[in-house]
């Protein structure tokens, strides 16, 4: 389990997190959402030990992340949004460099994922499009066999069919008990994949809840007009999307973009609802 307790973090005099608490139990795909600059990437770096908390703790299975012990590092992989790739290298050569550090690496899984994502493992990176490079990195990262997978904007650069392939691959990995954290602005790409959902704001966690809990507390309604009790309304073709407190216990289909806007605009009310 990833556990964050009473954590503070600042860049020089700019506070990013103040006394935040989060936990990521194993076997789920977490969506990490927030506006630009709230610290989504920073949180992933803290988890994999690339940043040091100012106060508080960040641990993976009881091991302090910033200590970067081999026993911790071989259980976790972090795929940033941007990676500097050697032009003349191939995906196979790239993963060969990583494999010795991960006893759980599977060459068979790597080749299977490359085939599923329709990328040639022996083609040089400089001959690939950005989307093909991104798919190669995804295949390499997922083939390492780690228990914890941290993905920062993983669907950037992917076309529509590739996004569907990506969702299918991750769904299977969640079934295998992997803990996956996806930081993204492209919520539509992962809307039916992420559960639970974590929404960050400056210095705070605004929401940390399962989809079931969210739909217990909030109702997502498509109607002809704006509701007076709406926490958020958006004009759509044919009517309005309203997010309102769920006072009747009726089930609804979550809309993550609408949820995100409702949370940002009603921080105190959301906090009371989800206490």
C-alpha atoms as a PDB file:
ATOM      1  CA  UNK A   1       0.000   0.000   0.000  1.00  0.00           C
ATOM      2  CA  UNK A   2       1.079   3.564  -0.717  1.00  0.00           C
ATOM      3  CA  UNK A   3       0.520   5.769   2.326  1.00  0.00           C
ATOM      4  CA  UNK A   4       0.921   9.539   2.614  1.00  0.00           C
ATOM      5  CA  UNK A   5       0.580  10.989   6.118  1.00  0.00           C
ATOM      6  CA  UNK A   6       0.576  14.645   7.189  1.00  0.00           C
ATOM      7  CA  UNK A   7       2.705  15.522   4.187  1.00  0.00           C
ATOM      8  CA  UNK A   8       3.983  19.021   3.433  1.00  0.00           C
ATOM      9  CA  UNK A   9       5.950  19.889   0.327  1.00  0.00           C
ATOM     10  CA  UNK A  10       7.185  23.199  -1.093  1.00  0.00           C
ATOM     11  CA  UNK A  11       9.298  24.397  -3.978  1.00  0.00           C
ATOM     12  CA  UNK A  12      11.438  27.023  -2.209  1.00  0.00           C
ATOM     13  CA  UNK A  13       8.798  29.377  -0.767  1.00  0.00           C
ATOM     14  CA  UNK A  14       5.884  28.071  -2.839  1.00  0.00           C
ATOM     15  CA  UNK A  15       3.746  25.585  -0.914  1.00  0.00           C
ATOM     16  CA  UNK A  16       2.381  22.677  -2.960  1.00  0.00           C
ATOM     17  CA  UNK A  17       0.947  20.379  -0.267  1.00  0.00           C
ATOM     18  CA  UNK A  18       0.038  21.179   3.309  1.00  0.00           C
ATOM     19  CA  UNK A  19      -0.688  18.341   5.747  1.00  0.00           C
ATOM     20  CA  UNK A  20      -2.301  16.040   3.176  1.00  0.00           C
ATOM     21  CA  UNK A  21      -3.254  12.432   3.870  1.00  0.00           C
ATOM     22  CA  UNK A  22      -3.879   9.818   1.181  1.00  0.00           C
ATOM     23  CA  UNK A  23      -3.673   6.065   0.832  1.00  0.00           C
ATOM     24  CA  UNK A  24      -3.661   3.884  -2.271  1.00  0.00           C
ATOM     25  CA  UNK A  25      -4.523   0.270  -1.380  1.00  0.00           C
ATOM     26  CA  UNK A  26      -3.555  -2.394  -3.900  1.00  0.00           C
ATOM     27  CA  UNK A  27      -5.708  -3.608  -6.747  1.00  0.00           C
ATOM     28  CA  UNK A  28      -7.286  -0.451  -8.179  1.00  0.00           C
ATOM     29  CA  UNK A  29      -6.845   2.150 -10.916  1.00  0.00           C
ATOM     30  CA  UNK A  30      -6.780   5.559  -9.279  1.00  0.00           C
ATOM     31  CA  UNK A  31      -7.539   8.741 -11.181  1.00  0.00           C
ATOM     32  CA  UNK A  32      -5.439  11.690  -9.998  1.00  0.00           C
ATOM     33  CA  UNK A  33      -7.093  14.894 -11.191  1.00  0.00           C
ATOM     34  CA  UNK A  34      -6.513  18.608 -10.660  1.00  0.00           C
ATOM     35  CA  UNK A  35      -5.880  21.891 -12.391  1.00  0.00           C
ATOM     36  CA  UNK A  36      -2.458  22.751 -13.828  1.00  0.00           C
ATOM     37  CA  UNK A  37       0.116  23.413 -11.152  1.00  0.00           C
ATOM     38  CA  UNK A  38      -1.633  21.790  -8.186  1.00  0.00           C
ATOM     39  CA  UNK A  39       1.043  19.119  -7.802  1.00  0.00           C
ATOM     40  CA  UNK A  40      -0.175  15.966  -9.569  1.00  0.00           C
ATOM     41  CA  UNK A  41       3.236  15.214 -11.073  1.00  0.00           C
ATOM     42  CA  UNK A  42       4.939  16.260  -7.848  1.00  0.00           C
ATOM     43  CA  UNK A  43       2.848  13.732  -5.929  1.00  0.00           C
ATOM     44  CA  UNK A  44       3.939  10.953  -8.285  1.00  0.00           C
ATOM     45  CA  UNK A  45       7.583  12.011  -7.844  1.00  0.00           C
ATOM     46  CA  UNK A  46       7.176  11.950  -4.066  1.00  0.00           C
ATOM     47  CA  UNK A  47       5.754   8.422  -4.258  1.00  0.00           C
ATOM     48  CA  UNK A  48       8.677   7.100  -6.296  1.00  0.00           C
ATOM     49  CA  UNK A  49      11.240   8.959  -4.168  1.00  0.00           C
ATOM     50  CA  UNK A  50      12.349  11.638  -6.621  1.00  0.00           C
ATOM     51  CA  UNK A  51      11.209  14.403  -4.259  1.00  0.00           C
ATOM     52  CA  UNK A  52      11.571  14.660  -0.493  1.00  0.00           C
ATOM     53  CA  UNK A  53       8.686  15.739   1.753  1.00  0.00           C
ATOM     54  CA  UNK A  54       9.251  18.816   3.876  1.00  0.00           C
ATOM     55  CA  UNK A  55       7.227  17.232   6.679  1.00  0.00           C
ATOM     56  CA  UNK A  56       5.261  14.023   7.078  1.00  0.00           C
ATOM     57  CA  UNK A  57       5.826  10.664   5.436  1.00  0.00           C
ATOM     58  CA  UNK A  58       5.359   8.926   2.104  1.00  0.00           C
ATOM     59  CA  UNK A  59       5.818   5.149   2.135  1.00  0.00           C
ATOM     60  CA  UNK A  60       5.364   2.146  -0.128  1.00  0.00           C
ATOM     61  CA  UNK A  61       4.671  -1.052   1.811  1.00  0.00           C
ATOM     62  CA  UNK A  62       6.217   0.576   4.871  1.00  0.00           C
ATOM     63  CA  UNK A  63       9.403   1.679   3.072  1.00  0.00           C
ATOM     64  CA  UNK A  64      10.198   5.405   3.037  1.00  0.00           C
ATOM     65  CA  UNK A  65      10.027   6.481  -0.586  1.00  0.00           C
ATOM     66  CA  UNK A  66      12.861   9.013  -0.491  1.00  0.00           C
ATOM     67  CA  UNK A  67      15.244   6.334   0.814  1.00  0.00           C
ATOM     68  CA  UNK A  68      14.856   4.722  -2.635  1.00  0.00           C
ATOM     69  CA  UNK A  69      15.707   1.279  -1.335  1.00  0.00           C
ATOM     70  CA  UNK A  70      16.160  -1.355  -4.075  1.00  0.00           C
ATOM     71  CA  UNK A  71      13.365  -3.391  -2.490  1.00  0.00           C
ATOM     72  CA  UNK A  72      11.010  -0.451  -3.042  1.00  0.00           C
ATOM     73  CA  UNK A  73      12.282   0.669  -6.450  1.00  0.00           C
ATOM     74  CA  UNK A  74      11.899  -2.776  -8.021  1.00  0.00           C
ATOM     75  CA  UNK A  75       8.201  -2.736  -7.055  1.00  0.00           C
ATOM     76  CA  UNK A  76       7.351   0.597  -8.662  1.00  0.00           C
ATOM     77  CA  UNK A  77       7.585   2.187 -12.103  1.00  0.00           C
ATOM     78  CA  UNK A  78       6.973   5.830 -13.002  1.00  0.00           C
ATOM     79  CA  UNK A  79       6.285   6.853 -16.600  1.00  0.00           C
ATOM     80  CA  UNK A  80       6.523  10.662 -16.933  1.00  0.00           C
ATOM     81  CA  UNK A  81       4.625  12.626 -19.544  1.00  0.00           C
ATOM     82  CA  UNK A  82       7.860  13.356 -21.410  1.00  0.00           C
ATOM     83  CA  UNK A  83      10.874  11.060 -21.694  1.00  0.00           C
ATOM     84  CA  UNK A  84      14.151  11.809 -23.477  1.00  0.00           C
ATOM     85  CA  UNK A  85      14.752   8.847 -25.773  1.00  0.00           C
ATOM     86  CA  UNK A  86      17.997   7.907 -27.534  1.00  0.00           C
ATOM     87  CA  UNK A  87      17.293   8.411 -31.244  1.00  0.00           C
ATOM     88  CA  UNK A  88      19.220   5.393 -32.462  1.00  0.00           C
ATOM     89  CA  UNK A  89      17.869   2.986 -29.834  1.00  0.00           C
ATOM     90  CA  UNK A  90      14.920   0.670 -30.322  1.00  0.00           C
ATOM     91  CA  UNK A  91      12.183  -0.180 -27.789  1.00  0.00           C
ATOM     92  CA  UNK A  92      13.766  -3.607 -27.357  1.00  0.00           C
ATOM     93  CA  UNK A  93      17.132  -2.052 -26.547  1.00  0.00           C
ATOM     94  CA  UNK A  94      15.445   0.420 -24.199  1.00  0.00           C
ATOM     95  CA  UNK A  95      13.666  -2.272 -22.200  1.00  0.00           C
ATOM     96  CA  UNK A  96      16.843  -4.380 -22.154  1.00  0.00           C
ATOM     97  CA  UNK A  97      18.483  -1.542 -20.199  1.00  0.00           C
ATOM     98  CA  UNK A  98      15.664  -1.550 -17.637  1.00  0.00           C
ATOM     99  CA  UNK A  99      15.165  -5.302 -17.271  1.00  0.00           C
ATOM    100  CA  UNK A 100      18.183  -6.084 -15.014  1.00  0.00           C
ATOM    101  CA  UNK A 101      16.713  -3.862 -12.287  1.00  0.00           C
ATOM    102  CA  UNK A 102      13.367  -5.706 -12.252  1.00  0.00           C
ATOM    103  CA  UNK A 103      13.313  -9.404 -11.447  1.00  0.00           C
ATOM    104  CA  UNK A 104       9.649  -9.459 -12.491  1.00  0.00           C
ATOM    105  CA  UNK A 105      10.301  -8.258 -16.059  1.00  0.00           C
ATOM    106  CA  UNK A 106       8.711 -10.428 -18.743  1.00  0.00           C
ATOM    107  CA  UNK A 107      10.013 -10.368 -22.311  1.00  0.00           C
ATOM    108  CA  UNK A 108       6.917 -12.254 -23.393  1.00  0.00           C
ATOM    109  CA  UNK A 109       4.663  -9.590 -21.870  1.00  0.00           C
ATOM    110  CA  UNK A 110       6.691  -6.841 -23.552  1.00  0.00           C
ATOM    111  CA  UNK A 111       6.382  -8.426 -26.999  1.00  0.00           C
ATOM    112  CA  UNK A 112       2.678  -9.135 -26.446  1.00  0.00           C
ATOM    113  CA  UNK A 113       1.993  -5.516 -25.476  1.00  0.00           C
ATOM    114  CA  UNK A 114       4.017  -4.170 -28.395  1.00  0.00           C
ATOM    115  CA  UNK A 115       1.975  -6.369 -30.724  1.00  0.00           C
ATOM    116  CA  UNK A 116      -1.295  -5.329 -29.098  1.00  0.00           C
ATOM    117  CA  UNK A 117      -0.333  -1.657 -29.401  1.00  0.00           C
ATOM    118  CA  UNK A 118       0.856  -2.222 -32.975  1.00  0.00           C
ATOM    119  CA  UNK A 119       4.450  -1.044 -32.568  1.00  0.00           C
ATOM    120  CA  UNK A 120       7.583  -2.765 -33.873  1.00  0.00           C
ATOM    121  CA  UNK A 121      10.046  -3.535 -31.037  1.00  0.00           C
ATOM    122  CA  UNK A 122      13.115  -3.322 -33.309  1.00  0.00           C
ATOM    123  CA  UNK A 123      12.275  -0.042 -35.017  1.00  0.00           C
ATOM    124  CA  UNK A 124      14.408   2.937 -33.941  1.00  0.00           C
ATOM    125  CA  UNK A 125      12.713   5.656 -31.898  1.00  0.00           C
ATOM    126  CA  UNK A 126      13.755   8.366 -34.336  1.00  0.00           C
ATOM    127  CA  UNK A 127      11.743   6.613 -37.066  1.00  0.00           C
ATOM    128  CA  UNK A 128       8.560   6.626 -34.938  1.00  0.00           C
ATOM    129  CA  UNK A 129       5.805   9.142 -34.447  1.00  0.00           C
ATOM    130  CA  UNK A 130       5.310  10.591 -30.965  1.00  0.00           C
ATOM    131  CA  UNK A 131       2.315   8.305 -30.467  1.00  0.00           C
ATOM    132  CA  UNK A 132       4.334   5.211 -31.376  1.00  0.00           C
ATOM    133  CA  UNK A 133       7.079   6.255 -28.979  1.00  0.00           C
ATOM    134  CA  UNK A 134       4.518   6.724 -26.214  1.00  0.00           C
ATOM    135  CA  UNK A 135       3.045   3.275 -26.850  1.00  0.00           C
ATOM    136  CA  UNK A 136       6.537   1.766 -26.725  1.00  0.00           C
ATOM    137  CA  UNK A 137       7.159   3.373 -23.337  1.00  0.00           C
ATOM    138  CA  UNK A 138       3.815   2.135 -22.040  1.00  0.00           C
ATOM    139  CA  UNK A 139       4.628  -1.412 -23.164  1.00  0.00           C
ATOM    140  CA  UNK A 140       8.090  -1.239 -21.615  1.00  0.00           C
ATOM    141  CA  UNK A 141       6.773   0.113 -18.308  1.00  0.00           C
ATOM    142  CA  UNK A 142       3.966  -2.413 -17.999  1.00  0.00           C
ATOM    143  CA  UNK A 143       6.201  -5.358 -18.867  1.00  0.00           C
ATOM    144  CA  UNK A 144       8.437  -4.729 -15.829  1.00  0.00           C
ATOM    145  CA  UNK A 145       5.878  -6.531 -13.671  1.00  0.00           C
ATOM    146  CA  UNK A 146       5.856  -3.996 -10.819  1.00  0.00           C
ATOM    147  CA  UNK A 147       3.079  -3.918  -8.234  1.00  0.00           C
ATOM    148  CA  UNK A 148       2.777  -0.127  -8.485  1.00  0.00           C
ATOM    149  CA  UNK A 149       2.466   1.728 -11.786  1.00  0.00           C
ATOM    150  CA  UNK A 150       2.496   5.552 -11.878  1.00  0.00           C
ATOM    151  CA  UNK A 151       1.443   7.087 -15.196  1.00  0.00           C
ATOM    152  CA  UNK A 152       1.598  10.829 -15.906  1.00  0.00           C
ATOM    153  CA  UNK A 153      -0.650  11.847 -18.833  1.00  0.00           C
ATOM    154  CA  UNK A 154      -0.315   8.407 -20.474  1.00  0.00           C
ATOM    155  CA  UNK A 155      -2.838   9.067 -23.268  1.00  0.00           C
ATOM    156  CA  UNK A 156      -1.094  12.193 -24.590  1.00  0.00           C
ATOM    157  CA  UNK A 157      -0.187  11.507 -28.201  1.00  0.00           C
ATOM    158  CA  UNK A 158      -2.367   8.402 -28.566  1.00  0.00           C
ATOM    159  CA  UNK A 159      -4.986   8.184 -31.313  1.00  0.00           C
ATOM    160  CA  UNK A 160      -8.515   6.978 -30.599  1.00  0.00           C
ATOM    161  CA  UNK A 161      -7.910   3.245 -31.320  1.00  0.00           C
ATOM    162  CA  UNK A 162      -4.739   3.302 -29.206  1.00  0.00           C
ATOM    163  CA  UNK A 163      -6.617   4.847 -26.282  1.00  0.00           C
ATOM    164  CA  UNK A 164      -9.099   1.972 -26.418  1.00  0.00           C
ATOM    165  CA  UNK A 165      -6.222  -0.538 -26.486  1.00  0.00           C
ATOM    166  CA  UNK A 166      -4.614   1.238 -23.529  1.00  0.00           C
ATOM    167  CA  UNK A 167      -7.810   1.042 -21.467  1.00  0.00           C
ATOM    168  CA  UNK A 168      -8.182  -2.658 -22.239  1.00  0.00           C
ATOM    169  CA  UNK A 169      -4.605  -3.415 -21.198  1.00  0.00           C
ATOM    170  CA  UNK A 170      -4.901  -1.521 -17.907  1.00  0.00           C
ATOM    171  CA  UNK A 171      -8.220  -3.147 -17.061  1.00  0.00           C
ATOM    172  CA  UNK A 172      -6.567  -6.557 -17.246  1.00  0.00           C
ATOM    173  CA  UNK A 173      -3.704  -5.395 -15.030  1.00  0.00           C
ATOM    174  CA  UNK A 174      -6.092  -4.118 -12.365  1.00  0.00           C
ATOM    175  CA  UNK A 175      -7.676  -7.564 -12.334  1.00  0.00           C
ATOM    176  CA  UNK A 176      -4.212  -8.941 -11.538  1.00  0.00           C
ATOM    177  CA  UNK A 177      -4.058  -6.843  -8.355  1.00  0.00           C
ATOM    178  CA  UNK A 178      -1.811  -4.063  -9.657  1.00  0.00           C
ATOM    179  CA  UNK A 179      -2.060  -0.587  -8.157  1.00  0.00           C
ATOM    180  CA  UNK A 180      -2.185   1.977 -10.957  1.00  0.00           C
ATOM    181  CA  UNK A 181      -2.266   5.757 -10.495  1.00  0.00           C
ATOM    182  CA  UNK A 182      -3.110   7.815 -13.569  1.00  0.00           C
ATOM    183  CA  UNK A 183      -2.514  11.562 -13.464  1.00  0.00           C
ATOM    184  CA  UNK A 184      -4.373  13.139 -16.362  1.00  0.00           C
ATOM    185  CA  UNK A 185      -6.197  16.106 -17.821  1.00  0.00           C
ATOM    186  CA  UNK A 186      -7.749  13.855 -20.467  1.00  0.00           C
ATOM    187  CA  UNK A 187     -10.493  12.521 -18.210  1.00  0.00           C
ATOM    188  CA  UNK A 188     -12.666  11.335 -21.095  1.00  0.00           C
ATOM    189  CA  UNK A 189      -9.871   8.945 -22.079  1.00  0.00           C
ATOM    190  CA  UNK A 190     -10.069   7.110 -18.746  1.00  0.00           C
ATOM    191  CA  UNK A 191     -13.596   7.916 -17.540  1.00  0.00           C
ATOM    192  CA  UNK A 192     -14.765   4.308 -17.361  1.00  0.00           C
ATOM    193  CA  UNK A 193     -11.417   3.058 -16.088  1.00  0.00           C
ATOM    194  CA  UNK A 194     -10.517   5.022 -12.953  1.00  0.00           C
ATOM    195  CA  UNK A 195     -12.000   4.165  -9.561  1.00  0.00           C
ATOM    196  CA  UNK A 196     -11.365   5.652  -6.974  1.00  0.00           C
ATOM    197  CA  UNK A 197     -10.978   9.310  -7.941  1.00  0.00           C
ATOM    198  CA  UNK A 198      -8.664  11.773  -6.205  1.00  0.00           C
ATOM    199  CA  UNK A 199      -9.010  15.499  -6.950  1.00  0.00           C
ATOM    200  CA  UNK A 200      -6.230  17.818  -5.789  1.00  0.00           C
ATOM    201  CA  UNK A 201      -6.273  21.556  -5.217  1.00  0.00           C
ATOM    202  CA  UNK A 202      -3.537  23.888  -4.041  1.00  0.00           C
ATOM    203  CA  UNK A 203      -2.365  22.540  -0.673  1.00  0.00           C
ATOM    204  CA  UNK A 204      -5.297  20.172  -0.291  1.00  0.00           C
ATOM    205  CA  UNK A 205      -7.115  16.987  -1.299  1.00  0.00           C
ATOM    206  CA  UNK A 206     -10.618  18.047  -2.356  1.00  0.00           C
ATOM    207  CA  UNK A 207     -11.975  14.568  -3.011  1.00  0.00           C
ATOM    208  CA  UNK A 208     -10.833  11.004  -2.404  1.00  0.00           C
ATOM    209  CA  UNK A 209     -13.713   8.639  -3.060  1.00  0.00           C
ATOM    210  CA  UNK A 210     -14.839   5.576  -4.967  1.00  0.00           C
ATOM    211  CA  UNK A 211     -17.243   5.921  -7.876  1.00  0.00           C
ATOM    212  CA  UNK A 212     -19.862   4.147  -5.749  1.00  0.00           C
ATOM    213  CA  UNK A 213     -19.444   6.715  -2.964  1.00  0.00           C
ATOM    214  CA  UNK A 214     -19.597   9.599  -5.455  1.00  0.00           C
ATOM    215  CA  UNK A 215     -22.868   8.381  -6.955  1.00  0.00           C
ATOM    216  CA  UNK A 216     -24.293   7.883  -3.476  1.00  0.00           C
ATOM    217  CA  UNK A 217     -23.599  11.518  -2.641  1.00  0.00           C
ATOM    218  CA  UNK A 218     -24.127  13.176  -6.034  1.00  0.00           C
ATOM    219  CA  UNK A 219     -26.690  12.775  -8.792  1.00  0.00           C
ATOM    220  CA  UNK A 220     -25.765  13.398 -12.432  1.00  0.00           C
ATOM    221  CA  UNK A 221     -28.856  14.468 -14.359  1.00  0.00           C
ATOM    222  CA  UNK A 222     -29.423  15.232 -18.019  1.00  0.00           C
ATOM    223  CA  UNK A 223     -32.449  17.513 -18.225  1.00  0.00           C
ATOM    224  CA  UNK A 224     -34.070  20.354 -20.086  1.00  0.00           C
ATOM    225  CA  UNK A 225     -33.138  23.156 -17.710  1.00  0.00           C
ATOM    226  CA  UNK A 226     -30.728  24.266 -15.012  1.00  0.00           C
ATOM    227  CA  UNK A 227     -31.591  22.900 -11.559  1.00  0.00           C
ATOM    228  CA  UNK A 228     -31.764  25.450  -8.736  1.00  0.00           C
ATOM    229  CA  UNK A 229     -29.881  23.075  -6.425  1.00  0.00           C
ATOM    230  CA  UNK A 230     -27.179  22.336  -9.009  1.00  0.00           C
ATOM    231  CA  UNK A 231     -23.574  22.350  -7.849  1.00  0.00           C
ATOM    232  CA  UNK A 232     -22.622  22.535 -11.504  1.00  0.00           C
ATOM    233  CA  UNK A 233     -24.579  22.884 -14.751  1.00  0.00           C
ATOM    234  CA  UNK A 234     -23.394  22.687 -18.334  1.00  0.00           C
ATOM    235  CA  UNK A 235     -25.314  23.284 -21.534  1.00  0.00           C
ATOM    236  CA  UNK A 236     -25.188  20.249 -23.819  1.00  0.00           C
ATOM    237  CA  UNK A 237     -26.984  19.482 -27.082  1.00  0.00           C
ATOM    238  CA  UNK A 238     -30.593  18.854 -26.092  1.00  0.00           C
ATOM    239  CA  UNK A 239     -30.436  20.199 -22.551  1.00  0.00           C
ATOM    240  CA  UNK A 240     -28.303  20.549 -19.444  1.00  0.00           C
ATOM    241  CA  UNK A 241     -26.022  18.342 -17.426  1.00  0.00           C
ATOM    242  CA  UNK A 242     -26.699  19.038 -13.736  1.00  0.00           C
ATOM    243  CA  UNK A 243     -24.708  17.789 -10.774  1.00  0.00           C
ATOM    244  CA  UNK A 244     -26.834  17.949  -7.623  1.00  0.00           C
ATOM    245  CA  UNK A 245     -26.731  16.448  -4.121  1.00  0.00           C
ATOM    246  CA  UNK A 246     -28.267  12.978  -4.229  1.00  0.00           C
ATOM    247  CA  UNK A 247     -31.180  13.273  -1.811  1.00  0.00           C
ATOM    248  CA  UNK A 248     -33.216  10.351  -3.179  1.00  0.00           C
ATOM    249  CA  UNK A 249     -30.626   7.549  -3.333  1.00  0.00           C
ATOM    250  CA  UNK A 250     -31.217   7.175  -7.067  1.00  0.00           C
ATOM    251  CA  UNK A 251     -28.348   5.821  -9.167  1.00  0.00           C
ATOM    252  CA  UNK A 252     -26.826   7.807 -12.026  1.00  0.00           C
ATOM    253  CA  UNK A 253     -23.955   7.623 -14.500  1.00  0.00           C
ATOM    254  CA  UNK A 254     -20.975   9.661 -13.335  1.00  0.00           C
ATOM    255  CA  UNK A 255     -19.599  12.362 -15.628  1.00  0.00           C
ATOM    256  CA  UNK A 256     -16.038  13.025 -14.463  1.00  0.00           C
ATOM    257  CA  UNK A 257     -15.624  16.394 -16.180  1.00  0.00           C
ATOM    258  CA  UNK A 258     -18.831  17.628 -14.534  1.00  0.00           C
ATOM    259  CA  UNK A 259     -17.734  16.108 -11.212  1.00  0.00           C
ATOM    260  CA  UNK A 260     -14.396  17.894 -11.454  1.00  0.00           C
ATOM    261  CA  UNK A 261     -16.038  21.262 -12.061  1.00  0.00           C
ATOM    262  CA  UNK A 262     -18.613  20.699  -9.321  1.00  0.00           C
ATOM    263  CA  UNK A 263     -15.865  19.914  -6.800  1.00  0.00           C
ATOM    264  CA  UNK A 264     -13.727  22.924  -7.743  1.00  0.00           C
ATOM    265  CA  UNK A 265     -16.656  25.333  -7.493  1.00  0.00           C
ATOM    266  CA  UNK A 266     -18.122  23.999  -4.243  1.00  0.00           C
ATOM    267  CA  UNK A 267     -15.177  22.951  -2.102  1.00  0.00           C
ATOM    268  CA  UNK A 268     -16.808  23.471   1.271  1.00  0.00           C
ATOM    269  CA  UNK A 269     -20.111  21.845   0.315  1.00  0.00           C
ATOM    270  CA  UNK A 270     -18.330  18.852  -1.233  1.00  0.00           C
ATOM    271  CA  UNK A 271     -16.238  18.513   1.903  1.00  0.00           C
ATOM    272  CA  UNK A 272     -19.387  18.368   4.028  1.00  0.00           C
ATOM    273  CA  UNK A 273     -21.079  15.870   1.706  1.00  0.00           C
ATOM    274  CA  UNK A 274     -18.143  13.458   1.758  1.00  0.00           C
ATOM    275  CA  UNK A 275     -17.187  13.690   5.436  1.00  0.00           C
END
